[in-house]
Amino acid sequence: MTESILQEDTILEKLNQQVDIHNLLIEAIKLINESVNNLILKVFRKERHAIKFVIPSLIGKNGPLNDTSVCLKLLYALGIITREEYEDVELLIAILDELDHDDKKYTYLDDEILGPISLLHDMVLPPNWALQSDSSKDVGIVDTLKSSIYQNRYQQMIRSALIIAITDLTLRIVNKQKINYFP
């Protein structure tokens, strides 16, 4: 159990170090890629001939399993990862791909980010009470500064929820490595 806690702490620490959504997703995909690659190696048969001739040609530099998306499809087809895990990783890769091709610097509150990340299976978006409290706006309690503070806090809540969702997803993939697929 302490190994699992250490892995979780490591993932959380790496994700929390990222300053914006783009860097967060780059680090998340890097961690997920590492987990998927380790899982692919675990899934293959550990026979001398397979280790020497078959596996390197599949996962090597020019091998068909050198692409994370292909590895995910294989793991899903074999029933090793769930449909939700497969869809979540593909969604994160797609969001990162869009951010890589767009020059705009997005925040966690942008619709281009909020919309897709809300589709993650483990993502629980907190309610935005700054937008819901119309009665307090009428009274004049929520001024520009307070609204800005609320929005910053809401952005931090979304960031934290996303980090937790990515950490859970990565840990589920990591924990599948503990299963002995070929007794």
N, C-alpha and C. Protein backbone atom coordinates (compact mmCIF):
# COMPACT_ATOMS: atom_id res chain seq x y z
N MET A 1 0.82 -1.19 0.00
CA MET A 1 0.00 0.00 0.00
C MET A 1 0.86 1.26 0.00
N THR A 2 2.00 1.24 0.69
CA THR A 2 2.86 2.42 0.71
C THR A 2 3.43 2.73 -0.67
N GLU A 3 3.65 1.70 -1.49
CA GLU A 3 4.12 1.92 -2.85
C GLU A 3 3.07 2.67 -3.66
N SER A 4 1.81 2.32 -3.48
CA SER A 4 0.72 2.99 -4.19
C SER A 4 0.60 4.45 -3.76
N ILE A 5 0.77 4.70 -2.47
CA ILE A 5 0.71 6.08 -1.97
C ILE A 5 1.88 6.89 -2.51
N LEU A 6 3.05 6.27 -2.59
CA LEU A 6 4.22 6.94 -3.13
C LEU A 6 4.02 7.28 -4.60
N GLN A 7 3.44 6.35 -5.36
CA GLN A 7 3.16 6.60 -6.77
C GLN A 7 2.15 7.74 -6.92
N GLU A 8 1.12 7.72 -6.09
CA GLU A 8 0.12 8.78 -6.15
C GLU A 8 0.74 10.13 -5.80
N ASP A 9 1.57 10.17 -4.78
CA ASP A 9 2.24 11.42 -4.40
C ASP A 9 3.13 11.93 -5.52
N THR A 10 3.84 11.03 -6.17
CA THR A 10 4.72 11.41 -7.27
C THR A 10 3.92 12.01 -8.43
N ILE A 11 2.83 11.36 -8.78
CA ILE A 11 1.98 11.86 -9.87
C ILE A 11 1.40 13.22 -9.50
N LEU A 12 0.85 13.33 -8.30
CA LEU A 12 0.27 14.61 -7.86
C LEU A 12 1.31 15.72 -7.86
N GLU A 13 2.51 15.41 -7.38
CA GLU A 13 3.56 16.41 -7.33
C GLU A 13 3.94 16.90 -8.73
N LYS A 14 4.09 15.96 -9.66
CA LYS A 14 4.45 16.34 -11.03
C LYS A 14 3.36 17.18 -11.69
N LEU A 15 2.12 16.80 -11.46
CA LEU A 15 1.01 17.55 -12.07
C LEU A 15 0.85 18.92 -11.42
N ASN A 16 1.01 19.00 -10.11
CA ASN A 16 0.85 20.27 -9.40
C ASN A 16 1.94 21.28 -9.74
N GLN A 17 3.07 20.83 -10.24
CA GLN A 17 4.15 21.73 -10.60
C GLN A 17 3.86 22.51 -11.89
N GLN A 18 2.88 22.07 -12.64
CA GLN A 18 2.60 22.71 -13.93
C GLN A 18 1.79 23.98 -13.73
N VAL A 19 2.17 25.03 -14.45
CA VAL A 19 1.58 26.35 -14.20
C VAL A 19 0.32 26.63 -15.01
N ASP A 20 0.15 25.95 -16.13
CA ASP A 20 -1.04 26.22 -16.95
C ASP A 20 -1.60 24.91 -17.50
N ILE A 21 -2.75 25.02 -18.15
CA ILE A 21 -3.46 23.83 -18.65
C ILE A 21 -2.62 23.09 -19.69
N HIS A 22 -1.92 23.81 -20.54
CA HIS A 22 -1.13 23.17 -21.59
C HIS A 22 -0.01 22.33 -20.99
N ASN A 23 0.75 22.91 -20.08
CA ASN A 23 1.84 22.15 -19.43
C ASN A 23 1.30 21.01 -18.58
N LEU A 24 0.16 21.21 -17.96
CA LEU A 24 -0.46 20.16 -17.16
C LEU A 24 -0.79 18.95 -18.04
N LEU A 25 -1.36 19.22 -19.21
CA LEU A 25 -1.72 18.12 -20.11
C LEU A 25 -0.48 17.46 -20.72
N ILE A 26 0.55 18.23 -20.98
CA ILE A 26 1.80 17.63 -21.48
C ILE A 26 2.35 16.65 -20.45
N GLU A 27 2.39 17.07 -19.20
CA GLU A 27 2.90 16.20 -18.14
C GLU A 27 1.98 14.99 -17.92
N ALA A 28 0.67 15.22 -17.98
CA ALA A 28 -0.29 14.13 -17.80
C ALA A 28 -0.11 13.07 -18.88
N ILE A 29 0.02 13.50 -20.13
CA ILE A 29 0.18 12.54 -21.23
C ILE A 29 1.52 11.83 -21.11
N LYS A 30 2.54 12.52 -20.64
CA LYS A 30 3.84 11.87 -20.43
C LYS A 30 3.72 10.77 -19.38
N LEU A 31 3.05 11.07 -18.28
CA LEU A 31 2.86 10.07 -17.22
C LEU A 31 2.00 8.90 -17.70
N ILE A 32 0.95 9.20 -18.44
CA ILE A 32 0.07 8.15 -18.96
C ILE A 32 0.81 7.30 -19.99
N ASN A 33 1.59 7.93 -20.87
CA ASN A 33 2.38 7.18 -21.86
C ASN A 33 3.31 6.19 -21.18
N GLU A 34 3.97 6.65 -20.14
CA GLU A 34 4.89 5.79 -19.40
C GLU A 34 4.13 4.60 -18.79
N SER A 35 2.96 4.86 -18.23
CA SER A 35 2.15 3.80 -17.63
C SER A 35 1.65 2.82 -18.68
N VAL A 36 1.21 3.34 -19.82
CA VAL A 36 0.71 2.49 -20.90
C VAL A 36 1.85 1.63 -21.46
N ASN A 37 3.02 2.23 -21.66
CA ASN A 37 4.16 1.46 -22.18
C ASN A 37 4.57 0.35 -21.22
N ASN A 38 4.58 0.64 -19.93
CA ASN A 38 4.91 -0.39 -18.94
C ASN A 38 3.85 -1.49 -18.92
N LEU A 39 2.59 -1.11 -19.08
CA LEU A 39 1.52 -2.10 -19.08
C LEU A 39 1.60 -2.98 -20.32
N ILE A 40 1.91 -2.40 -21.47
CA ILE A 40 2.07 -3.19 -22.69
C ILE A 40 3.15 -4.24 -22.50
N LEU A 41 4.27 -3.84 -21.92
CA LEU A 41 5.36 -4.80 -21.68
C LEU A 41 4.92 -5.90 -20.72
N LYS A 42 4.11 -5.55 -19.73
CA LYS A 42 3.64 -6.53 -18.75
C LYS A 42 2.68 -7.54 -19.39
N VAL A 43 1.91 -7.07 -20.36
CA VAL A 43 0.89 -7.91 -20.98
C VAL A 43 1.51 -8.99 -21.87
N PHE A 44 2.66 -8.70 -22.45
CA PHE A 44 3.26 -9.67 -23.36
C PHE A 44 3.83 -10.87 -22.63
N ARG A 45 3.82 -11.96 -23.30
CA ARG A 45 4.36 -13.22 -22.80
C ARG A 45 5.85 -13.08 -22.55
N LYS A 46 6.32 -13.62 -21.46
CA LYS A 46 7.72 -13.48 -21.08
C LYS A 46 8.52 -14.75 -21.41
N GLU A 47 8.43 -15.17 -22.64
CA GLU A 47 9.24 -16.30 -23.10
C GLU A 47 10.52 -15.76 -23.73
N ARG A 48 11.55 -16.53 -23.66
CA ARG A 48 12.85 -16.11 -24.18
C ARG A 48 12.78 -15.68 -25.64
N HIS A 49 12.13 -16.48 -26.46
CA HIS A 49 12.01 -16.16 -27.90
C HIS A 49 11.22 -14.88 -28.11
N ALA A 50 10.11 -14.72 -27.37
CA ALA A 50 9.28 -13.53 -27.51
C ALA A 50 10.04 -12.28 -27.08
N ILE A 51 10.77 -12.36 -25.99
CA ILE A 51 11.53 -11.21 -25.49
C ILE A 51 12.64 -10.82 -26.47
N LYS A 52 13.25 -11.80 -27.07
CA LYS A 52 14.39 -11.52 -27.95
C LYS A 52 13.98 -11.06 -29.35
N PHE A 53 12.93 -11.66 -29.92
CA PHE A 53 12.61 -11.40 -31.32
C PHE A 53 11.29 -10.67 -31.57
N VAL A 54 10.27 -11.04 -30.84
CA VAL A 54 8.93 -10.53 -31.15
C VAL A 54 8.67 -9.15 -30.52
N ILE A 55 8.89 -9.03 -29.24
CA ILE A 55 8.55 -7.80 -28.53
C ILE A 55 9.32 -6.59 -29.05
N PRO A 56 10.63 -6.67 -29.26
CA PRO A 56 11.34 -5.49 -29.78
C PRO A 56 10.82 -5.02 -31.14
N SER A 57 10.41 -5.95 -31.99
CA SER A 57 9.90 -5.53 -33.30
C SER A 57 8.52 -4.88 -33.20
N LEU A 58 7.79 -5.17 -32.14
CA LEU A 58 6.47 -4.56 -31.95
C LEU A 58 6.56 -3.18 -31.29
N ILE A 59 7.43 -3.06 -30.30
CA ILE A 59 7.46 -1.81 -29.54
C ILE A 59 8.68 -0.96 -29.84
N GLY A 60 9.51 -1.40 -30.74
CA GLY A 60 10.71 -0.64 -31.09
C GLY A 60 10.38 0.67 -31.78
N LYS A 61 11.42 1.36 -32.19
CA LYS A 61 11.29 2.69 -32.79
C LYS A 61 10.34 2.70 -33.99
N ASN A 62 10.40 1.68 -34.82
CA ASN A 62 9.54 1.61 -36.01
C ASN A 62 8.40 0.61 -35.85
N GLY A 63 8.22 0.10 -34.66
CA GLY A 63 7.19 -0.90 -34.42
C GLY A 63 5.78 -0.30 -34.37
N PRO A 64 4.79 -1.14 -34.66
CA PRO A 64 3.41 -0.64 -34.67
C PRO A 64 2.90 -0.21 -33.29
N LEU A 65 3.52 -0.69 -32.23
CA LEU A 65 3.08 -0.33 -30.88
C LEU A 65 3.92 0.80 -30.28
N ASN A 66 4.56 1.57 -31.14
CA ASN A 66 5.32 2.72 -30.69
C ASN A 66 4.42 3.93 -30.46
N ASP A 67 3.16 3.83 -30.85
CA ASP A 67 2.19 4.92 -30.72
C ASP A 67 1.25 4.62 -29.55
N THR A 68 1.06 5.59 -28.68
CA THR A 68 0.22 5.39 -27.50
C THR A 68 -1.21 5.05 -27.89
N SER A 69 -1.74 5.71 -28.91
CA SER A 69 -3.12 5.43 -29.33
C SER A 69 -3.29 3.98 -29.77
N VAL A 70 -2.31 3.46 -30.47
CA VAL A 70 -2.37 2.06 -30.91
C VAL A 70 -2.29 1.12 -29.70
N CYS A 71 -1.41 1.45 -28.77
CA CYS A 71 -1.30 0.64 -27.54
C CYS A 71 -2.60 0.65 -26.76
N LEU A 72 -3.22 1.83 -26.67
CA LEU A 72 -4.51 1.93 -25.96
C LEU A 72 -5.57 1.06 -26.62
N LYS A 73 -5.62 1.10 -27.94
CA LYS A 73 -6.60 0.29 -28.67
C LYS A 73 -6.38 -1.20 -28.41
N LEU A 74 -5.11 -1.60 -28.40
CA LEU A 74 -4.79 -3.01 -28.13
C LEU A 74 -5.19 -3.38 -26.71
N LEU A 75 -4.83 -2.54 -25.74
CA LEU A 75 -5.17 -2.83 -24.35
C LEU A 75 -6.68 -2.89 -24.14
N TYR A 76 -7.39 -2.01 -24.81
CA TYR A 76 -8.86 -2.02 -24.72
C TYR A 76 -9.43 -3.27 -25.38
N ALA A 77 -8.91 -3.61 -26.56
CA ALA A 77 -9.40 -4.79 -27.28
C ALA A 77 -9.15 -6.08 -26.49
N LEU A 78 -8.07 -6.10 -25.74
CA LEU A 78 -7.75 -7.28 -24.93
C LEU A 78 -8.50 -7.30 -23.60
N GLY A 79 -9.22 -6.23 -23.32
CA GLY A 79 -9.99 -6.16 -22.08
C GLY A 79 -9.15 -5.80 -20.87
N ILE A 80 -7.99 -5.24 -21.09
CA ILE A 80 -7.10 -4.90 -19.98
C ILE A 80 -7.45 -3.54 -19.41
N ILE A 81 -7.81 -2.60 -20.26
CA ILE A 81 -8.31 -1.32 -19.77
C ILE A 81 -9.79 -1.22 -20.13
N THR A 82 -10.50 -0.42 -19.38
CA THR A 82 -11.93 -0.27 -19.61
C THR A 82 -12.19 0.75 -20.72
N ARG A 83 -13.41 0.74 -21.18
CA ARG A 83 -13.80 1.70 -22.21
C ARG A 83 -13.64 3.14 -21.70
N GLU A 84 -14.01 3.37 -20.44
CA GLU A 84 -13.90 4.70 -19.86
C GLU A 84 -12.44 5.16 -19.80
N GLU A 85 -11.55 4.26 -19.40
CA GLU A 85 -10.13 4.61 -19.35
C GLU A 85 -9.61 4.92 -20.75
N TYR A 86 -9.98 4.09 -21.71
CA TYR A 86 -9.58 4.30 -23.10
C TYR A 86 -10.08 5.66 -23.59
N GLU A 87 -11.36 5.95 -23.39
CA GLU A 87 -11.95 7.21 -23.85
C GLU A 87 -11.32 8.41 -23.17
N ASP A 88 -11.03 8.30 -21.88
CA ASP A 88 -10.45 9.43 -21.15
C ASP A 88 -9.05 9.75 -21.64
N VAL A 89 -8.23 8.73 -21.86
CA VAL A 89 -6.87 8.98 -22.36
C VAL A 89 -6.93 9.57 -23.76
N GLU A 90 -7.77 9.02 -24.62
CA GLU A 90 -7.91 9.55 -25.98
C GLU A 90 -8.38 11.01 -25.94
N LEU A 91 -9.30 11.33 -25.03
CA LEU A 91 -9.79 12.69 -24.91
C LEU A 91 -8.67 13.64 -24.45
N LEU A 92 -7.89 13.23 -23.48
CA LEU A 92 -6.77 14.05 -23.03
C LEU A 92 -5.76 14.28 -24.15
N ILE A 93 -5.49 13.24 -24.92
CA ILE A 93 -4.57 13.37 -26.06
C ILE A 93 -5.14 14.34 -27.08
N ALA A 94 -6.45 14.26 -27.34
CA ALA A 94 -7.09 15.15 -28.31
C ALA A 94 -7.05 16.61 -27.83
N ILE A 95 -7.31 16.84 -26.55
CA ILE A 95 -7.27 18.20 -26.01
C ILE A 95 -5.85 18.76 -26.15
N LEU A 96 -4.86 17.95 -25.77
CA LEU A 96 -3.47 18.41 -25.88
C LEU A 96 -3.10 18.69 -27.33
N ASP A 97 -3.55 17.85 -28.24
CA ASP A 97 -3.27 18.06 -29.66
C ASP A 97 -3.85 19.40 -30.14
N GLU A 98 -5.06 19.71 -29.70
CA GLU A 98 -5.68 21.00 -30.06
C GLU A 98 -4.88 22.17 -29.48
N LEU A 99 -4.45 22.04 -28.23
CA LEU A 99 -3.68 23.11 -27.61
C LEU A 99 -2.32 23.29 -28.28
N ASP A 100 -1.73 22.19 -28.74
CA ASP A 100 -0.45 22.26 -29.44
C ASP A 100 -0.56 23.03 -30.75
N HIS A 101 -1.73 22.96 -31.39
CA HIS A 101 -1.92 23.60 -32.70
C HIS A 101 -2.57 24.97 -32.61
N ASP A 102 -2.81 25.45 -31.41
CA ASP A 102 -3.46 26.74 -31.22
C ASP A 102 -2.51 27.66 -30.47
N ASP A 103 -2.37 28.89 -30.95
CA ASP A 103 -1.45 29.83 -30.32
C ASP A 103 -2.03 30.51 -29.08
N LYS A 104 -3.33 30.40 -28.89
CA LYS A 104 -3.98 31.05 -27.76
C LYS A 104 -3.57 30.38 -26.45
N LYS A 105 -3.39 31.18 -25.42
CA LYS A 105 -3.08 30.65 -24.08
C LYS A 105 -4.40 30.52 -23.33
N TYR A 106 -4.84 29.28 -23.12
CA TYR A 106 -6.13 29.02 -22.49
C TYR A 106 -6.01 28.95 -20.97
N THR A 107 -7.12 29.24 -20.32
CA THR A 107 -7.22 29.04 -18.88
C THR A 107 -8.19 27.89 -18.64
N TYR A 108 -8.29 27.47 -17.40
CA TYR A 108 -9.19 26.37 -17.06
C TYR A 108 -10.66 26.76 -17.22
N LEU A 109 -10.94 28.06 -17.29
CA LEU A 109 -12.32 28.54 -17.38
C LEU A 109 -12.80 28.72 -18.82
N ASP A 110 -11.90 28.61 -19.78
CA ASP A 110 -12.31 28.77 -21.18
C ASP A 110 -13.21 27.61 -21.61
N ASP A 111 -14.21 27.94 -22.41
CA ASP A 111 -15.15 26.92 -22.88
C ASP A 111 -14.44 25.81 -23.66
N GLU A 112 -13.35 26.16 -24.36
CA GLU A 112 -12.59 25.17 -25.13
C GLU A 112 -11.93 24.14 -24.21
N ILE A 113 -11.77 24.49 -22.95
CA ILE A 113 -11.18 23.57 -21.97
C ILE A 113 -12.27 22.94 -21.11
N LEU A 114 -13.16 23.77 -20.58
CA LEU A 114 -14.21 23.27 -19.69
C LEU A 114 -15.09 22.23 -20.37
N GLY A 115 -15.46 22.48 -21.61
CA GLY A 115 -16.33 21.54 -22.32
C GLY A 115 -15.72 20.15 -22.42
N PRO A 116 -14.53 20.03 -23.01
CA PRO A 116 -13.92 18.70 -23.13
C PRO A 116 -13.59 18.02 -21.80
N ILE A 117 -13.02 18.77 -20.83
CA ILE A 117 -12.64 18.09 -19.59
C ILE A 117 -13.86 17.66 -18.79
N SER A 118 -15.00 18.30 -19.04
CA SER A 118 -16.22 17.87 -18.34
C SER A 118 -16.67 16.50 -18.83
N LEU A 119 -16.15 16.06 -19.98
CA LEU A 119 -16.50 14.74 -20.53
C LEU A 119 -15.69 13.60 -19.91
N LEU A 120 -14.63 13.95 -19.19
CA LEU A 120 -13.85 12.91 -18.51
C LEU A 120 -14.73 12.20 -17.50
N HIS A 121 -14.63 10.88 -17.44
CA HIS A 121 -15.52 10.10 -16.60
C HIS A 121 -15.37 10.38 -15.11
N ASP A 122 -14.16 10.68 -14.67
CA ASP A 122 -13.93 10.94 -13.24
C ASP A 122 -13.93 12.42 -12.90
N MET A 123 -14.20 13.25 -13.87
CA MET A 123 -14.15 14.70 -13.64
C MET A 123 -15.46 15.18 -13.05
N VAL A 124 -15.36 15.79 -11.89
CA VAL A 124 -16.53 16.37 -11.23
C VAL A 124 -16.29 17.87 -11.16
N LEU A 125 -17.02 18.60 -12.00
CA LEU A 125 -16.86 20.06 -12.01
C LEU A 125 -17.60 20.65 -10.82
N PRO A 126 -16.92 21.49 -10.06
CA PRO A 126 -17.61 22.15 -8.95
C PRO A 126 -18.58 23.19 -9.49
N PRO A 127 -19.64 23.47 -8.76
CA PRO A 127 -20.58 24.50 -9.23
C PRO A 127 -19.91 25.87 -9.18
N ASN A 128 -20.23 26.70 -10.14
CA ASN A 128 -19.67 28.05 -10.17
C ASN A 128 -20.63 28.98 -9.46
N TRP A 129 -20.46 29.14 -8.16
CA TRP A 129 -21.38 29.93 -7.36
C TRP A 129 -21.28 31.40 -7.67
N ALA A 130 -20.19 31.86 -8.26
CA ALA A 130 -20.07 33.28 -8.63
C ALA A 130 -21.09 33.62 -9.72
N LEU A 131 -21.37 32.65 -10.60
CA LEU A 131 -22.35 32.89 -11.66
C LEU A 131 -23.77 32.61 -11.20
N GLN A 132 -23.92 31.79 -10.17
CA GLN A 132 -25.25 31.40 -9.71
C GLN A 132 -25.87 32.39 -8.74
N SER A 133 -25.08 33.24 -8.15
CA SER A 133 -25.60 34.13 -7.12
C SER A 133 -26.09 35.45 -7.71
N ASP A 134 -27.11 35.38 -8.53
CA ASP A 134 -27.67 36.57 -9.16
C ASP A 134 -28.26 37.53 -8.14
N SER A 135 -28.83 37.01 -7.06
CA SER A 135 -29.46 37.88 -6.07
C SER A 135 -28.43 38.78 -5.39
N SER A 136 -27.22 38.27 -5.15
CA SER A 136 -26.20 39.10 -4.52
C SER A 136 -25.68 40.17 -5.48
N LYS A 137 -25.73 39.90 -6.79
CA LYS A 137 -25.31 40.90 -7.76
C LYS A 137 -26.29 42.06 -7.77
N ASP A 138 -27.56 41.75 -7.62
CA ASP A 138 -28.57 42.80 -7.63
C ASP A 138 -28.38 43.72 -6.43
N VAL A 139 -27.96 43.19 -5.32
CA VAL A 139 -27.79 43.97 -4.11
C VAL A 139 -26.48 44.78 -4.18
N GLY A 140 -25.56 44.37 -5.05
CA GLY A 140 -24.31 45.08 -5.19
C GLY A 140 -23.20 44.55 -4.31
N ILE A 141 -23.39 43.39 -3.72
CA ILE A 141 -22.39 42.81 -2.83
C ILE A 141 -21.16 42.33 -3.61
N VAL A 142 -21.41 41.73 -4.76
CA VAL A 142 -20.31 41.17 -5.53
C VAL A 142 -19.82 42.23 -6.51
N ASP A 143 -18.72 42.87 -6.16
CA ASP A 143 -18.14 43.88 -7.05
C ASP A 143 -17.11 43.22 -7.95
N THR A 144 -16.44 43.99 -8.74
CA THR A 144 -15.48 43.47 -9.70
C THR A 144 -14.35 42.71 -9.03
N LEU A 145 -13.81 43.25 -7.96
CA LEU A 145 -12.71 42.59 -7.27
C LEU A 145 -13.15 41.26 -6.68
N LYS A 146 -14.30 41.26 -6.03
CA LYS A 146 -14.80 40.02 -5.43
C LYS A 146 -15.10 38.98 -6.52
N SER A 147 -15.65 39.43 -7.63
CA SER A 147 -15.94 38.54 -8.75
C SER A 147 -14.65 37.92 -9.28
N SER A 148 -13.61 38.73 -9.37
CA SER A 148 -12.32 38.23 -9.83
C SER A 148 -11.76 37.19 -8.86
N ILE A 149 -11.91 37.45 -7.58
CA ILE A 149 -11.44 36.49 -6.57
C ILE A 149 -12.22 35.18 -6.68
N TYR A 150 -13.53 35.27 -6.88
CA TYR A 150 -14.35 34.07 -7.05
C TYR A 150 -13.92 33.28 -8.28
N GLN A 151 -13.68 34.01 -9.37
CA GLN A 151 -13.28 33.32 -10.61
C GLN A 151 -11.93 32.65 -10.45
N ASN A 152 -10.99 33.31 -9.78
CA ASN A 152 -9.68 32.69 -9.53
C ASN A 152 -9.82 31.44 -8.66
N ARG A 153 -10.67 31.54 -7.66
CA ARG A 153 -10.89 30.38 -6.79
C ARG A 153 -11.56 29.24 -7.57
N TYR A 154 -12.52 29.59 -8.40
CA TYR A 154 -13.20 28.57 -9.21
C TYR A 154 -12.22 27.91 -10.17
N GLN A 155 -11.33 28.71 -10.76
CA GLN A 155 -10.32 28.16 -11.66
C GLN A 155 -9.42 27.18 -10.91
N GLN A 156 -9.03 27.50 -9.69
CA GLN A 156 -8.21 26.61 -8.88
C GLN A 156 -8.95 25.31 -8.54
N MET A 157 -10.26 25.44 -8.30
CA MET A 157 -11.07 24.25 -8.01
C MET A 157 -11.12 23.34 -9.23
N ILE A 158 -11.28 23.91 -10.41
CA ILE A 158 -11.31 23.11 -11.64
C ILE A 158 -9.95 22.45 -11.86
N ARG A 159 -8.89 23.22 -11.66
CA ARG A 159 -7.54 22.68 -11.82
C ARG A 159 -7.33 21.49 -10.87
N SER A 160 -7.73 21.66 -9.62
CA SER A 160 -7.57 20.58 -8.63
C SER A 160 -8.40 19.36 -9.00
N ALA A 161 -9.63 19.57 -9.45
CA ALA A 161 -10.48 18.45 -9.85
C ALA A 161 -9.88 17.71 -11.05
N LEU A 162 -9.31 18.46 -11.99
CA LEU A 162 -8.68 17.84 -13.16
C LEU A 162 -7.44 17.05 -12.75
N ILE A 163 -6.64 17.60 -11.87
CA ILE A 163 -5.45 16.89 -11.40
C ILE A 163 -5.84 15.60 -10.69
N ILE A 164 -6.87 15.63 -9.89
CA ILE A 164 -7.34 14.42 -9.20
C ILE A 164 -7.85 13.39 -10.21
N ALA A 165 -8.60 13.83 -11.21
CA ALA A 165 -9.13 12.91 -12.23
C ALA A 165 -7.99 12.27 -13.02
N ILE A 166 -6.99 13.06 -13.40
CA ILE A 166 -5.85 12.53 -14.16
C ILE A 166 -5.03 11.57 -13.29
N THR A 167 -4.85 11.92 -12.03
CA THR A 167 -4.10 11.06 -11.11
C THR A 167 -4.81 9.72 -10.95
N ASP A 168 -6.12 9.74 -10.75
CA ASP A 168 -6.88 8.50 -10.62
C ASP A 168 -6.77 7.64 -11.87
N LEU A 169 -6.90 8.25 -13.03
CA LEU A 169 -6.79 7.53 -14.30
C LEU A 169 -5.41 6.89 -14.44
N THR A 170 -4.37 7.66 -14.17
CA THR A 170 -3.00 7.15 -14.29
C THR A 170 -2.75 6.02 -13.30
N LEU A 171 -3.22 6.18 -12.07
CA LEU A 171 -3.04 5.13 -11.06
C LEU A 171 -3.77 3.84 -11.43
N ARG A 172 -4.95 3.95 -12.03
CA ARG A 172 -5.67 2.74 -12.45
C ARG A 172 -4.86 1.98 -13.50
N ILE A 173 -4.23 2.71 -14.42
CA ILE A 173 -3.40 2.06 -15.43
C ILE A 173 -2.15 1.45 -14.78
N VAL A 174 -1.53 2.18 -13.88
CA VAL A 174 -0.35 1.68 -13.18
C VAL A 174 -0.69 0.42 -12.39
N ASN A 175 -1.82 0.41 -11.70
CA ASN A 175 -2.20 -0.74 -10.88
C ASN A 175 -2.51 -1.99 -11.71
N LYS A 176 -2.83 -1.83 -12.97
CA LYS A 176 -3.07 -2.99 -13.83
C LYS A 176 -1.78 -3.75 -14.11
N GLN A 177 -0.64 -3.11 -13.88
CA GLN A 177 0.64 -3.77 -14.06
C GLN A 177 0.91 -4.82 -13.00
N LYS A 178 0.18 -4.77 -11.92
CA LYS A 178 0.37 -5.71 -10.81
C LYS A 178 -0.30 -7.06 -11.08
N ILE A 179 -1.16 -7.09 -12.10
CA ILE A 179 -1.88 -8.32 -12.44
C ILE A 179 -0.97 -9.22 -13.26
N ASN A 180 -0.99 -10.51 -12.96
CA ASN A 180 -0.18 -11.47 -13.72
C ASN A 180 -1.04 -11.99 -14.87
N TYR A 181 -0.79 -11.52 -16.07
CA TYR A 181 -1.62 -11.88 -17.22
C TYR A 181 -1.31 -13.25 -17.78
N PHE A 182 -0.09 -13.73 -17.60
CA PHE A 182 0.28 -15.06 -18.07
C PHE A 182 0.89 -15.85 -16.92
N PRO A 183 0.07 -16.61 -16.21
CA PRO A 183 0.61 -17.37 -15.06
C PRO A 183 1.59 -18.43 -15.47
